[in-house]
PDB file of N, CA and C in Angstrom:
ATOM      1  N   MET A   1       6.298   0.885 -42.100  1.00  0.00           N
ATOM      2  CA  MET A   1       5.414   1.120 -40.756  1.00  0.00           C
ATOM      3  C   MET A   1       5.979   0.851 -39.390  1.00  0.00           C
ATOM      4  N   PRO A   2       5.902   1.938 -38.747  1.00  0.00           N
ATOM      5  CA  PRO A   2       6.373   1.765 -37.388  1.00  0.00           C
ATOM      6  C   PRO A   2       6.251   0.582 -36.656  1.00  0.00           C
ATOM      7  N   LYS A   3       7.004   0.187 -35.763  1.00  0.00           N
ATOM      8  CA  LYS A   3       6.831  -1.186 -34.997  1.00  0.00           C
ATOM      9  C   LYS A   3       6.893  -0.503 -33.224  1.00  0.00           C
ATOM     10  N   GLY A   4       6.674   0.933 -33.237  1.00  0.00           N
ATOM     11  CA  GLY A   4       6.540   1.159 -31.807  1.00  0.00           C
ATOM     12  C   GLY A   4       5.383   1.157 -31.059  1.00  0.00           C
ATOM     13  N   TYR A   5       5.289   0.909 -29.680  1.00  0.00           N
ATOM     14  CA  TYR A   5       3.849   1.197 -29.383  1.00  0.00           C
ATOM     15  C   TYR A   5       4.515   1.548 -27.696  1.00  0.00           C
ATOM     16  N   LEU A   6       2.854   1.829 -27.287  1.00  0.00           N
ATOM     17  CA  LEU A   6       2.862   2.355 -25.540  1.00  0.00           C
ATOM     18  C   LEU A   6       2.125   1.524 -24.607  1.00  0.00           C
ATOM     19  N   THR A   7       2.932   1.284 -23.684  1.00  0.00           N
ATOM     20  CA  THR A   7       2.025   0.819 -22.393  1.00  0.00           C
ATOM     21  C   THR A   7       1.943   1.494 -21.241  1.00  0.00           C
ATOM     22  N   THR A   8       1.321   1.340 -20.415  1.00  0.00           N
ATOM     23  CA  THR A   8       1.242   1.857 -19.318  1.00  0.00           C
ATOM     24  C   THR A   8       0.680   1.295 -17.893  1.00  0.00           C
ATOM     25  N   HIS A   9       1.049   1.323 -16.972  1.00  0.00           N
ATOM     26  CA  HIS A   9       0.595   0.508 -15.687  1.00  0.00           C
ATOM     27  C   HIS A   9       0.513   1.464 -14.380  1.00  0.00           C
ATOM     28  N   VAL A  10      -0.493   1.106 -13.436  1.00  0.00           N
ATOM     29  CA  VAL A  10      -0.415   1.590 -12.190  1.00  0.00           C
ATOM     30  C   VAL A  10      -0.430   1.110 -11.146  1.00  0.00           C
ATOM     31  N   LEU A  11       0.708   1.796  -9.843  1.00  0.00           N
ATOM     32  CA  LEU A  11       0.754   0.706  -8.852  1.00  0.00           C
ATOM     33  C   LEU A  11       0.539   1.493  -7.775  1.00  0.00           C
ATOM     34  N   ASP A  12      -0.285   1.306  -6.940  1.00  0.00           N
ATOM     35  CA  ASP A  12      -0.548   1.789  -5.535  1.00  0.00           C
ATOM     36  C   ASP A  12       0.465   1.442  -4.752  1.00  0.00           C
ATOM     37  N   THR A  13       1.262   2.530  -4.535  1.00  0.00           N
ATOM     38  CA  THR A  13       2.422   2.244  -3.595  1.00  0.00           C
ATOM     39  C   THR A  13       2.222   2.037  -2.064  1.00  0.00           C
ATOM     40  N   ALA A  14       1.254   2.998  -1.899  1.00  0.00           N
ATOM     41  CA  ALA A  14       0.498   2.997  -0.330  1.00  0.00           C
ATOM     42  C   ALA A  14      -0.149   1.810   0.106  1.00  0.00           C
ATOM     43  N   ARG A  15      -0.591   0.672  -0.571  1.00  0.00           N
ATOM     44  CA  ARG A  15      -0.985  -0.098  -0.108  1.00  0.00           C
ATOM     45  C   ARG A  15      -0.458  -1.379  -1.013  1.00  0.00           C
ATOM     46  N   GLY A  16       0.507  -1.237  -1.723  1.00  0.00           N
ATOM     47  CA  GLY A  16       1.585  -2.356  -2.107  1.00  0.00           C
ATOM     48  C   GLY A  16       1.064  -3.365  -3.102  1.00  0.00           C
ATOM     49  N   VAL A  17      -0.407  -2.639  -4.126  1.00  0.00           N
ATOM     50  CA  VAL A  17      -1.344  -3.361  -4.701  1.00  0.00           C
ATOM     51  C   VAL A  17      -1.194  -2.722  -6.264  1.00  0.00           C
ATOM     52  N   PRO A  18      -1.561  -3.511  -7.449  1.00  0.00           N
ATOM     53  CA  PRO A  18      -1.901  -2.790  -8.415  1.00  0.00           C
ATOM     54  C   PRO A  18      -3.347  -2.161  -8.357  1.00  0.00           C
ATOM     55  N   ALA A  19      -3.352  -0.853  -9.074  1.00  0.00           N
ATOM     56  CA  ALA A  19      -4.084  -0.136  -8.889  1.00  0.00           C
ATOM     57  C   ALA A  19      -5.261  -0.425 -10.283  1.00  0.00           C
ATOM     58  N   GLN A  20      -6.243  -1.100  -9.439  1.00  0.00           N
ATOM     59  CA  GLN A  20      -7.575  -1.449 -10.480  1.00  0.00           C
ATOM     60  C   GLN A  20      -8.314  -0.546 -10.824  1.00  0.00           C
ATOM     61  N   GLY A  21      -8.915   0.192 -11.832  1.00  0.00           N
ATOM     62  CA  GLY A  21      -9.890   0.629 -11.917  1.00  0.00           C
ATOM     63  C   GLY A  21      -9.542   2.195 -12.369  1.00  0.00           C
ATOM     64  N   ILE A  22      -8.688   2.724 -12.580  1.00  0.00           N
ATOM     65  CA  ILE A  22      -8.408   4.006 -12.781  1.00  0.00           C
ATOM     66  C   ILE A  22      -8.263   4.028 -14.415  1.00  0.00           C
ATOM     67  N   LYS A  23      -9.205   5.154 -14.909  1.00  0.00           N
ATOM     68  CA  LYS A  23      -9.303   5.501 -16.106  1.00  0.00           C
ATOM     69  C   LYS A  23      -8.057   6.714 -16.419  1.00  0.00           C
ATOM     70  N   ILE A  24      -7.738   6.264 -17.354  1.00  0.00           N
ATOM     71  CA  ILE A  24      -6.489   6.605 -18.107  1.00  0.00           C
ATOM     72  C   ILE A  24      -6.782   7.226 -19.659  1.00  0.00           C
ATOM     73  N   VAL A  25      -6.409   8.452 -19.849  1.00  0.00           N
ATOM     74  CA  VAL A  25      -6.545   8.919 -21.306  1.00  0.00           C
ATOM     75  C   VAL A  25      -5.712   9.548 -22.069  1.00  0.00           C
ATOM     76  N   LEU A  26      -5.292   9.082 -23.133  1.00  0.00           N
ATOM     77  CA  LEU A  26      -4.087   9.567 -23.935  1.00  0.00           C
ATOM     78  C   LEU A  26      -4.453  10.916 -25.079  1.00  0.00           C
ATOM     79  N   TYR A  27      -3.352  11.694 -24.778  1.00  0.00           N
ATOM     80  CA  TYR A  27      -3.764  12.739 -25.745  1.00  0.00           C
ATOM     81  C   TYR A  27      -2.421  12.630 -26.084  1.00  0.00           C
ATOM     82  N   CYS A  28      -2.601  13.357 -27.961  1.00  0.00           N
ATOM     83  CA  CYS A  28      -1.474  13.718 -28.500  1.00  0.00           C
ATOM     84  C   CYS A  28      -1.270  15.095 -28.489  1.00  0.00           C
ATOM     85  N   LEU A  29      -0.110  15.632 -28.468  1.00  0.00           N
ATOM     86  CA  LEU A  29       0.102  17.031 -28.329  1.00  0.00           C
ATOM     87  C   LEU A  29       0.971  17.406 -29.516  1.00  0.00           C
ATOM     88  N   ASN A  30       0.081  18.994 -30.097  1.00  0.00           N
ATOM     89  CA  ASN A  30       0.870  19.221 -31.252  1.00  0.00           C
ATOM     90  C   ASN A  30       0.876  20.738 -31.105  1.00  0.00           C
ATOM     91  N   GLY A  31       2.093  21.377 -30.646  1.00  0.00           N
ATOM     92  CA  GLY A  31       1.746  22.945 -29.799  1.00  0.00           C
ATOM     93  C   GLY A  31       1.038  23.000 -28.867  1.00  0.00           C
ATOM     94  N   GLU A  32       0.078  23.809 -29.044  1.00  0.00           N
ATOM     95  CA  GLU A  32      -1.168  24.222 -27.947  1.00  0.00           C
ATOM     96  C   GLU A  32      -2.469  23.167 -28.321  1.00  0.00           C
ATOM     97  N   ALA A  33      -2.290  22.451 -29.266  1.00  0.00           N
ATOM     98  CA  ALA A  33      -3.389  21.365 -29.611  1.00  0.00           C
ATOM     99  C   ALA A  33      -3.270  20.379 -28.758  1.00  0.00           C
ATOM    100  N   ARG A  34      -4.438  19.798 -28.366  1.00  0.00           N
ATOM    101  CA  ARG A  34      -4.222  18.560 -27.779  1.00  0.00           C
ATOM    102  C   ARG A  34      -5.280  17.634 -28.285  1.00  0.00           C
ATOM    103  N   GLU A  35      -5.033  16.620 -28.808  1.00  0.00           N
ATOM    104  CA  GLU A  35      -5.983  15.504 -29.265  1.00  0.00           C
ATOM    105  C   GLU A  35      -6.154  14.229 -28.387  1.00  0.00           C
ATOM    106  N   LYS A  36      -7.372  14.136 -28.354  1.00  0.00           N
ATOM    107  CA  LYS A  36      -7.789  12.871 -27.381  1.00  0.00           C
ATOM    108  C   LYS A  36      -7.834  11.813 -27.822  1.00  0.00           C
ATOM    109  N   LEU A  37      -7.214  10.560 -27.947  1.00  0.00           N
ATOM    110  CA  LEU A  37      -6.767   9.223 -28.658  1.00  0.00           C
ATOM    111  C   LEU A  37      -7.355   8.407 -28.434  1.00  0.00           C
ATOM    112  N   VAL A  38      -7.421   8.129 -26.977  1.00  0.00           N
ATOM    113  CA  VAL A  38      -8.080   6.966 -26.465  1.00  0.00           C
ATOM    114  C   VAL A  38      -8.168   6.946 -24.758  1.00  0.00           C
ATOM    115  N   GLU A  39      -9.229   6.122 -24.779  1.00  0.00           N
ATOM    116  CA  GLU A  39      -9.351   6.375 -23.324  1.00  0.00           C
ATOM    117  C   GLU A  39      -9.438   4.791 -22.587  1.00  0.00           C
ATOM    118  N   MET A  40      -8.929   4.409 -21.499  1.00  0.00           N
ATOM    119  CA  MET A  40      -9.166   2.888 -21.059  1.00  0.00           C
ATOM    120  C   MET A  40      -9.134   2.893 -19.825  1.00  0.00           C
ATOM    121  N   THR A  41      -9.547   1.987 -19.074  1.00  0.00           N
ATOM    122  CA  THR A  41      -9.121   1.585 -17.572  1.00  0.00           C
ATOM    123  C   THR A  41      -8.340   0.559 -17.302  1.00  0.00           C
ATOM    124  N   THR A  42      -7.930   1.042 -15.770  1.00  0.00           N
ATOM    125  CA  THR A  42      -6.837  -0.259 -15.725  1.00  0.00           C
ATOM    126  C   THR A  42      -7.461  -1.543 -15.139  1.00  0.00           C
ATOM    127  N   ASN A  43      -6.916  -2.563 -15.588  1.00  0.00           N
ATOM    128  CA  ASN A  43      -7.473  -4.146 -14.862  1.00  0.00           C
ATOM    129  C   ASN A  43      -7.318  -4.271 -13.728  1.00  0.00           C
ATOM    130  N   ALA A  44      -7.259  -5.722 -12.979  1.00  0.00           N
ATOM    131  CA  ALA A  44      -6.902  -5.951 -11.732  1.00  0.00           C
ATOM    132  C   ALA A  44      -5.436  -5.637 -11.885  1.00  0.00           C
ATOM    133  N   ASP A  45      -4.335  -5.894 -12.752  1.00  0.00           N
ATOM    134  CA  ASP A  45      -3.020  -6.172 -12.791  1.00  0.00           C
ATOM    135  C   ASP A  45      -2.546  -4.726 -12.920  1.00  0.00           C
ATOM    136  N   GLY A  46      -3.664  -3.988 -12.585  1.00  0.00           N
ATOM    137  CA  GLY A  46      -3.215  -2.214 -12.571  1.00  0.00           C
ATOM    138  C   GLY A  46      -2.642  -1.718 -13.912  1.00  0.00           C
ATOM    139  N   ARG A  47      -2.749  -2.575 -15.169  1.00  0.00           N
ATOM    140  CA  ARG A  47      -2.650  -2.687 -16.677  1.00  0.00           C
ATOM    141  C   ARG A  47      -4.015  -2.131 -17.407  1.00  0.00           C
ATOM    142  N   THR A  48      -3.356  -1.652 -18.651  1.00  0.00           N
ATOM    143  CA  THR A  48      -4.640  -1.699 -19.610  1.00  0.00           C
ATOM    144  C   THR A  48      -4.742  -2.989 -20.603  1.00  0.00           C
ATOM    145  N   ASP A  49      -5.653  -3.249 -20.577  1.00  0.00           N
ATOM    146  CA  ASP A  49      -5.696  -4.780 -21.374  1.00  0.00           C
ATOM    147  C   ASP A  49      -5.001  -5.316 -22.755  1.00  0.00           C
ATOM    148  N   SER A  50      -4.792  -3.696 -23.362  1.00  0.00           N
ATOM    149  CA  SER A  50      -3.940  -4.164 -24.654  1.00  0.00           C
ATOM    150  C   SER A  50      -3.093  -2.778 -24.459  1.00  0.00           C
ATOM    151  N   PRO A  51      -1.888  -2.610 -25.374  1.00  0.00           N
ATOM    152  CA  PRO A  51      -1.336  -1.461 -25.417  1.00  0.00           C
ATOM    153  C   PRO A  51      -2.321   0.024 -25.637  1.00  0.00           C
ATOM    154  N   ILE A  52      -2.020   0.898 -25.103  1.00  0.00           N
ATOM    155  CA  ILE A  52      -2.606   2.052 -24.803  1.00  0.00           C
ATOM    156  C   ILE A  52      -2.343   2.698 -26.509  1.00  0.00           C
ATOM    157  N   LEU A  53      -1.591   2.527 -27.005  1.00  0.00           N
ATOM    158  CA  LEU A  53      -1.269   2.923 -28.386  1.00  0.00           C
ATOM    159  C   LEU A  53      -0.377   2.078 -29.032  1.00  0.00           C
ATOM    160  N   PRO A  54      -1.439   1.079 -29.703  1.00  0.00           N
ATOM    161  CA  PRO A  54      -0.532   0.250 -30.283  1.00  0.00           C
ATOM    162  C   PRO A  54       0.049   0.185 -31.988  1.00  0.00           C
ATOM    163  N   ALA A  55       0.668  -0.392 -32.235  1.00  0.00           N
ATOM    164  CA  ALA A  55       1.680  -0.527 -33.393  1.00  0.00           C
ATOM    165  C   ALA A  55       1.003   0.236 -34.560  1.00  0.00           C
ATOM    166  N   ALA A  56      -0.068  -0.252 -34.564  1.00  0.00           N
ATOM    167  CA  ALA A  56      -0.853   0.090 -35.814  1.00  0.00           C
ATOM    168  C   ALA A  56      -1.385   1.576 -36.001  1.00  0.00           C
ATOM    169  N   ASP A  57      -1.215   2.264 -34.606  1.00  0.00           N
ATOM    170  CA  ASP A  57      -1.561   3.908 -34.131  1.00  0.00           C
ATOM    171  C   ASP A  57      -0.429   4.627 -33.846  1.00  0.00           C
ATOM    172  N   PHE A  58       0.709   4.103 -34.212  1.00  0.00           N
ATOM    173  CA  PHE A  58       1.886   4.669 -33.428  1.00  0.00           C
ATOM    174  C   PHE A  58       2.379   5.654 -34.249  1.00  0.00           C
ATOM    175  N   ALA A  59       2.861   7.057 -33.478  1.00  0.00           N
ATOM    176  CA  ALA A  59       3.540   7.985 -34.278  1.00  0.00           C
ATOM    177  C   ALA A  59       4.622   8.528 -33.420  1.00  0.00           C
ATOM    178  N   THR A  60       5.619   8.741 -33.846  1.00  0.00           N
ATOM    179  CA  THR A  60       6.331   9.827 -32.912  1.00  0.00           C
ATOM    180  C   THR A  60       5.797  11.027 -32.476  1.00  0.00           C
ATOM    181  N   GLY A  61       6.325  11.717 -31.256  1.00  0.00           N
ATOM    182  CA  GLY A  61       5.672  12.813 -31.234  1.00  0.00           C
ATOM    183  C   GLY A  61       5.840  13.220 -29.555  1.00  0.00           C
ATOM    184  N   THR A  62       4.935  14.256 -29.118  1.00  0.00           N
ATOM    185  CA  THR A  62       4.647  14.571 -27.805  1.00  0.00           C
ATOM    186  C   THR A  62       3.337  14.259 -27.301  1.00  0.00           C
ATOM    187  N   TYR A  63       3.004  13.499 -25.874  1.00  0.00           N
ATOM    188  CA  TYR A  63       1.897  13.078 -25.723  1.00  0.00           C
ATOM    189  C   TYR A  63       1.758  12.982 -24.236  1.00  0.00           C
ATOM    190  N   GLU A  64       0.375  12.747 -23.807  1.00  0.00           N
ATOM    191  CA  GLU A  64       0.262  13.100 -22.510  1.00  0.00           C
ATOM    192  C   GLU A  64      -0.674  12.359 -22.061  1.00  0.00           C
ATOM    193  N   LEU A  65      -0.260  11.221 -20.902  1.00  0.00           N
ATOM    194  CA  LEU A  65      -1.090  10.147 -20.208  1.00  0.00           C
ATOM    195  C   LEU A  65      -2.179  11.250 -19.071  1.00  0.00           C
ATOM    196  N   MET A  66      -3.508  11.009 -18.981  1.00  0.00           N
ATOM    197  CA  MET A  66      -3.971  11.699 -17.763  1.00  0.00           C
ATOM    198  C   MET A  66      -4.324  10.320 -16.855  1.00  0.00           C
ATOM    199  N   PHE A  67      -4.012  10.541 -15.753  1.00  0.00           N
ATOM    200  CA  PHE A  67      -4.315   9.271 -14.799  1.00  0.00           C
ATOM    201  C   PHE A  67      -5.330  10.109 -14.116  1.00  0.00           C
ATOM    202  N   HIS A  68      -6.870   9.659 -13.765  1.00  0.00           N
ATOM    203  CA  HIS A  68      -7.917   9.852 -12.864  1.00  0.00           C
ATOM    204  C   HIS A  68      -7.987   9.223 -11.606  1.00  0.00           C
ATOM    205  N   ALA A  69      -6.617   9.572 -11.156  1.00  0.00           N
ATOM    206  CA  ALA A  69      -6.168   9.013  -9.650  1.00  0.00           C
ATOM    207  C   ALA A  69      -7.261   9.466  -8.424  1.00  0.00           C
ATOM    208  N   GLY A  70      -7.797  10.383  -8.577  1.00  0.00           N
ATOM    209  CA  GLY A  70      -8.641  10.891  -7.428  1.00  0.00           C
ATOM    210  C   GLY A  70     -10.155   9.972  -7.663  1.00  0.00           C
ATOM    211  N   ASP A  71     -10.637   9.375  -8.482  1.00  0.00           N
ATOM    212  CA  ASP A  71     -11.409   8.685  -8.206  1.00  0.00           C
ATOM    213  C   ASP A  71     -11.098   7.169  -7.759  1.00  0.00           C
ATOM    214  N   TYR A  72      -9.928   6.820  -8.089  1.00  0.00           N
ATOM    215  CA  TYR A  72      -9.198   5.697  -7.388  1.00  0.00           C
ATOM    216  C   TYR A  72      -9.215   5.706  -6.062  1.00  0.00           C
ATOM    217  N   LEU A  73      -8.842   7.087  -5.595  1.00  0.00           N
ATOM    218  CA  LEU A  73      -8.361   7.139  -4.439  1.00  0.00           C
ATOM    219  C   LEU A  73      -9.768   7.189  -3.565  1.00  0.00           C
ATOM    220  N   ARG A  74     -10.398   7.729  -4.027  1.00  0.00           N
ATOM    221  CA  ARG A  74     -11.729   7.928  -3.238  1.00  0.00           C
ATOM    222  C   ARG A  74     -12.401   6.563  -2.875  1.00  0.00           C
ATOM    223  N   ALA A  75     -12.362   5.799  -4.229  1.00  0.00           N
ATOM    224  CA  ALA A  75     -12.923   4.262  -3.946  1.00  0.00           C
ATOM    225  C   ALA A  75     -12.243   3.348  -3.372  1.00  0.00           C
ATOM    226  N   SER A  76     -10.750   3.668  -3.421  1.00  0.00           N
ATOM    227  CA  SER A  76     -10.251   2.488  -2.186  1.00  0.00           C
ATOM    228  C   SER A  76     -10.245   3.046  -0.705  1.00  0.00           C
ATOM    229  N   GLY A  77     -10.778   4.422  -0.689  1.00  0.00           N
ATOM    230  CA  GLY A  77     -10.667   4.748   1.137  1.00  0.00           C
ATOM    231  C   GLY A  77      -9.525   5.245   1.366  1.00  0.00           C
ATOM    232  N   GLN A  78      -8.932   5.977   0.506  1.00  0.00           N
ATOM    233  CA  GLN A  78      -7.437   6.627   0.564  1.00  0.00           C
ATOM    234  C   GLN A  78      -7.738   7.995   0.480  1.00  0.00           C
ATOM    235  N   ALA A  79      -8.846   8.702   0.252  1.00  0.00           N
ATOM    236  CA  ALA A  79      -9.141  10.203  -0.048  1.00  0.00           C
ATOM    237  C   ALA A  79      -9.235  10.653   1.294  1.00  0.00           C
ATOM    238  N   ALA A  80      -8.671  11.933   1.492  1.00  0.00           N
ATOM    239  CA  ALA A  80      -8.344  12.894   2.764  1.00  0.00           C
ATOM    240  C   ALA A  80      -9.397  13.757   2.886  1.00  0.00           C
ATOM    241  N   GLU A  81      -9.274  14.592   2.698  1.00  0.00           N
ATOM    242  CA  GLU A  81     -10.212  15.948   2.604  1.00  0.00           C
ATOM    243  C   GLU A  81     -10.404  16.339   1.312  1.00  0.00           C
ATOM    244  N   GLU A  82     -11.362  17.083   0.750  1.00  0.00           N
ATOM    245  CA  GLU A  82     -11.271  17.713  -0.461  1.00  0.00           C
ATOM    246  C   GLU A  82     -10.813  19.002  -0.521  1.00  0.00           C
ATOM    247  N   PRO A  83     -10.183  19.833  -1.783  1.00  0.00           N
ATOM    248  CA  PRO A  83      -9.653  19.011  -2.657  1.00  0.00           C
ATOM    249  C   PRO A  83      -8.569  18.088  -2.228  1.00  0.00           C
ATOM    250  N   LEU A  84      -8.396  16.840  -2.969  1.00  0.00           N
ATOM    251  CA  LEU A  84      -7.772  15.858  -3.201  1.00  0.00           C
ATOM    252  C   LEU A  84      -6.086  16.644  -3.255  1.00  0.00           C
ATOM    253  N   PHE A  85      -4.972  15.974  -2.781  1.00  0.00           N
ATOM    254  CA  PHE A  85      -3.818  16.620  -3.094  1.00  0.00           C
ATOM    255  C   PHE A  85      -3.571  16.154  -4.789  1.00  0.00           C
ATOM    256  N   LEU A  86      -3.692  14.879  -4.897  1.00  0.00           N
ATOM    257  CA  LEU A  86      -3.414  14.822  -6.251  1.00  0.00           C
ATOM    258  C   LEU A  86      -5.103  13.779  -6.975  1.00  0.00           C
ATOM    259  N   ASP A  87      -5.382  14.524  -7.720  1.00  0.00           N
ATOM    260  CA  ASP A  87      -6.614  14.080  -8.658  1.00  0.00           C
ATOM    261  C   ASP A  87      -6.338  13.487  -9.803  1.00  0.00           C
ATOM    262  N   GLN A  88      -6.413  14.518 -10.781  1.00  0.00           N
ATOM    263  CA  GLN A  88      -5.852  14.024 -12.271  1.00  0.00           C
ATOM    264  C   GLN A  88      -4.181  14.450 -12.514  1.00  0.00           C
ATOM    265  N   VAL A  89      -3.554  13.411 -12.660  1.00  0.00           N
ATOM    266  CA  VAL A  89      -2.145  13.434 -12.702  1.00  0.00           C
ATOM    267  C   VAL A  89      -1.871  13.370 -14.056  1.00  0.00           C
ATOM    268  N   PRO A  90      -1.435  14.199 -15.039  1.00  0.00           N
ATOM    269  CA  PRO A  90      -0.928  14.450 -16.638  1.00  0.00           C
ATOM    270  C   PRO A  90       0.613  14.094 -16.354  1.00  0.00           C
ATOM    271  N   ILE A  91       0.941  13.213 -17.336  1.00  0.00           N
ATOM    272  CA  ILE A  91       2.486  13.184 -17.972  1.00  0.00           C
ATOM    273  C   ILE A  91       2.914  13.217 -19.046  1.00  0.00           C
ATOM    274  N   ARG A  92       3.394  14.430 -19.153  1.00  0.00           N
ATOM    275  CA  ARG A  92       3.807  14.476 -20.605  1.00  0.00           C
ATOM    276  C   ARG A  92       4.796  13.954 -21.177  1.00  0.00           C
ATOM    277  N   PHE A  93       5.558  13.755 -22.336  1.00  0.00           N
ATOM    278  CA  PHE A  93       6.651  12.785 -22.638  1.00  0.00           C
ATOM    279  C   PHE A  93       6.534  12.735 -23.862  1.00  0.00           C
ATOM    280  N   GLY A  94       7.784  12.453 -24.484  1.00  0.00           N
ATOM    281  CA  GLY A  94       8.044  12.574 -26.137  1.00  0.00           C
ATOM    282  C   GLY A  94       8.750  10.691 -26.560  1.00  0.00           C
ATOM    283  N   MET A  95       7.934  10.365 -27.249  1.00  0.00           N
ATOM    284  CA  MET A  95       8.607   9.528 -28.162  1.00  0.00           C
ATOM    285  C   MET A  95       9.223   9.578 -29.527  1.00  0.00           C
ATOM    286  N   ALA A  96      10.587   9.200 -29.386  1.00  0.00           N
ATOM    287  CA  ALA A  96      11.601   9.833 -30.894  1.00  0.00           C
ATOM    288  C   ALA A  96      11.766   8.605 -31.595  1.00  0.00           C
ATOM    289  N   ASP A  97      11.617   7.348 -31.210  1.00  0.00           N
ATOM    290  CA  ASP A  97      11.685   6.260 -31.930  1.00  0.00           C
ATOM    291  C   ASP A  97      10.698   5.282 -32.473  1.00  0.00           C
ATOM    292  N   GLU A  98      10.731   5.721 -33.147  1.00  0.00           N
ATOM    293  CA  GLU A  98       9.375   4.833 -34.187  1.00  0.00           C
ATOM    294  C   GLU A  98       9.052   3.286 -34.033  1.00  0.00           C
ATOM    295  N   ASP A  99      10.481   2.785 -33.474  1.00  0.00           N
ATOM    296  CA  ASP A  99      10.607   1.397 -33.486  1.00  0.00           C
ATOM    297  C   ASP A  99      10.761   0.752 -31.937  1.00  0.00           C
ATOM    298  N   ALA A 100      10.295   1.835 -30.881  1.00  0.00           N
ATOM    299  CA  ALA A 100      10.727   1.231 -29.634  1.00  0.00           C
ATOM    300  C   ALA A 100       9.352   1.107 -28.787  1.00  0.00           C
ATOM    301  N   HIS A 101       9.363   0.117 -27.894  1.00  0.00           N
ATOM    302  CA  HIS A 101       8.564  -0.077 -26.799  1.00  0.00           C
ATOM    303  C   HIS A 101       8.634   1.245 -25.585  1.00  0.00           C
ATOM    304  N   TYR A 102       7.506   1.717 -25.664  1.00  0.00           N
ATOM    305  CA  TYR A 102       7.713   2.710 -24.436  1.00  0.00           C
ATOM    306  C   TYR A 102       6.435   2.627 -23.636  1.00  0.00           C
ATOM    307  N   HIS A 103       7.229   2.607 -22.255  1.00  0.00           N
ATOM    308  CA  HIS A 103       6.468   1.953 -21.273  1.00  0.00           C
ATOM    309  C   HIS A 103       6.476   3.199 -20.022  1.00  0.00           C
ATOM    310  N   VAL A 104       5.297   3.624 -19.486  1.00  0.00           N
ATOM    311  CA  VAL A 104       5.332   4.712 -18.856  1.00  0.00           C
ATOM    312  C   VAL A 104       4.525   4.645 -17.440  1.00  0.00           C
ATOM    313  N   PRO A 105       4.703   3.958 -16.504  1.00  0.00           N
ATOM    314  CA  PRO A 105       3.768   3.640 -15.320  1.00  0.00           C
ATOM    315  C   PRO A 105       3.900   4.353 -14.624  1.00  0.00           C
ATOM    316  N   LEU A 106       2.867   4.553 -13.609  1.00  0.00           N
ATOM    317  CA  LEU A 106       2.566   5.471 -12.496  1.00  0.00           C
ATOM    318  C   LEU A 106       2.685   5.111 -10.830  1.00  0.00           C
ATOM    319  N   LEU A 107       3.443   5.513 -10.553  1.00  0.00           N
ATOM    320  CA  LEU A 107       3.624   4.802  -8.916  1.00  0.00           C
ATOM    321  C   LEU A 107       2.846   5.656  -8.116  1.00  0.00           C
ATOM    322  N   LEU A 108       1.478   5.623  -7.617  1.00  0.00           N
ATOM    323  CA  LEU A 108       0.598   6.532  -6.906  1.00  0.00           C
ATOM    324  C   LEU A 108       0.609   6.184  -5.545  1.00  0.00           C
ATOM    325  N   SER A 109       0.281   7.430  -4.744  1.00  0.00           N
ATOM    326  CA  SER A 109      -0.012   7.251  -3.037  1.00  0.00           C
ATOM    327  C   SER A 109      -1.073   8.524  -3.095  1.00  0.00           C
ATOM    328  N   PRO A 110      -1.727   8.626  -1.696  1.00  0.00           N
ATOM    329  CA  PRO A 110      -2.751   9.545  -1.952  1.00  0.00           C
ATOM    330  C   PRO A 110      -1.484  11.186  -1.855  1.00  0.00           C
ATOM    331  N   TYR A 111      -0.647  11.065  -1.341  1.00  0.00           N
ATOM    332  CA  TYR A 111       0.302  12.677  -1.509  1.00  0.00           C
ATOM    333  C   TYR A 111       1.621  12.525  -2.296  1.00  0.00           C
ATOM    334  N   GLY A 112       1.903  11.555  -2.960  1.00  0.00           N
ATOM    335  CA  GLY A 112       2.593  11.533  -4.172  1.00  0.00           C
ATOM    336  C   GLY A 112       2.850  10.526  -5.273  1.00  0.00           C
ATOM    337  N   MET A 113       3.440  10.708  -6.387  1.00  0.00           N
ATOM    338  CA  MET A 113       3.539   9.688  -7.382  1.00  0.00           C
ATOM    339  C   MET A 113       5.072  10.025  -8.305  1.00  0.00           C
ATOM    340  N   SER A 114       5.276   8.941  -9.047  1.00  0.00           N
ATOM    341  CA  SER A 114       6.629   9.139  -9.738  1.00  0.00           C
ATOM    342  C   SER A 114       6.335   8.456 -10.889  1.00  0.00           C
ATOM    343  N   THR A 115       7.073   8.414 -11.835  1.00  0.00           N
ATOM    344  CA  THR A 115       7.088   7.800 -13.001  1.00  0.00           C
ATOM    345  C   THR A 115       8.535   7.796 -13.752  1.00  0.00           C
ATOM    346  N   TYR A 116       8.577   6.881 -14.609  1.00  0.00           N
ATOM    347  CA  TYR A 116       9.914   6.610 -15.156  1.00  0.00           C
ATOM    348  C   TYR A 116       9.770   5.652 -16.274  1.00  0.00           C
ATOM    349  N   ARG A 117      10.636   5.916 -17.739  1.00  0.00           N
ATOM    350  CA  ARG A 117      10.688   4.973 -18.797  1.00  0.00           C
ATOM    351  C   ARG A 117      10.862   3.574 -18.509  1.00  0.00           C
ATOM    352  N   GLY A 118       9.742   2.606 -18.326  1.00  0.00           N
ATOM    353  CA  GLY A 118      10.142   1.569 -18.481  1.00  0.00           C
ATOM    354  C   GLY A 118      10.342   0.431 -19.240  1.00  0.00           C
ATOM    355  N   SER A 119      10.499  -0.625 -19.295  1.00  0.00           N
ATOM    356  CA  SER A 119      10.254  -1.489 -20.095  1.00  0.00           C
ATOM    357  C   SER A 119       9.398  -2.439 -20.779  1.00  0.00           C
TER     358      SER A 119
END
């Protein structure tokens, strides 16, 4: 049985705080097919309360995390004019090691974002 799992979190780099209340949806991709696996919301620490893909459900493959950043930016008073520069932020990535911890964070501001493979 695989021991790998996936975690994520969101940091608001404009305000220097964790981004609480961001809806995150995880999809599994297979060619053009896109299957929704789970939907979670970030807590006060900007993290999900549990791994977004726990070891029991882990499989290698290509995935997409969709961060609903626009709702957060509007609620936190950082949204400017509509349409927002960043609204829904997709991050597509692959997981090849069935025993690894994959951590895919989002560093967010109203006009920029970045990600990396964390630990």
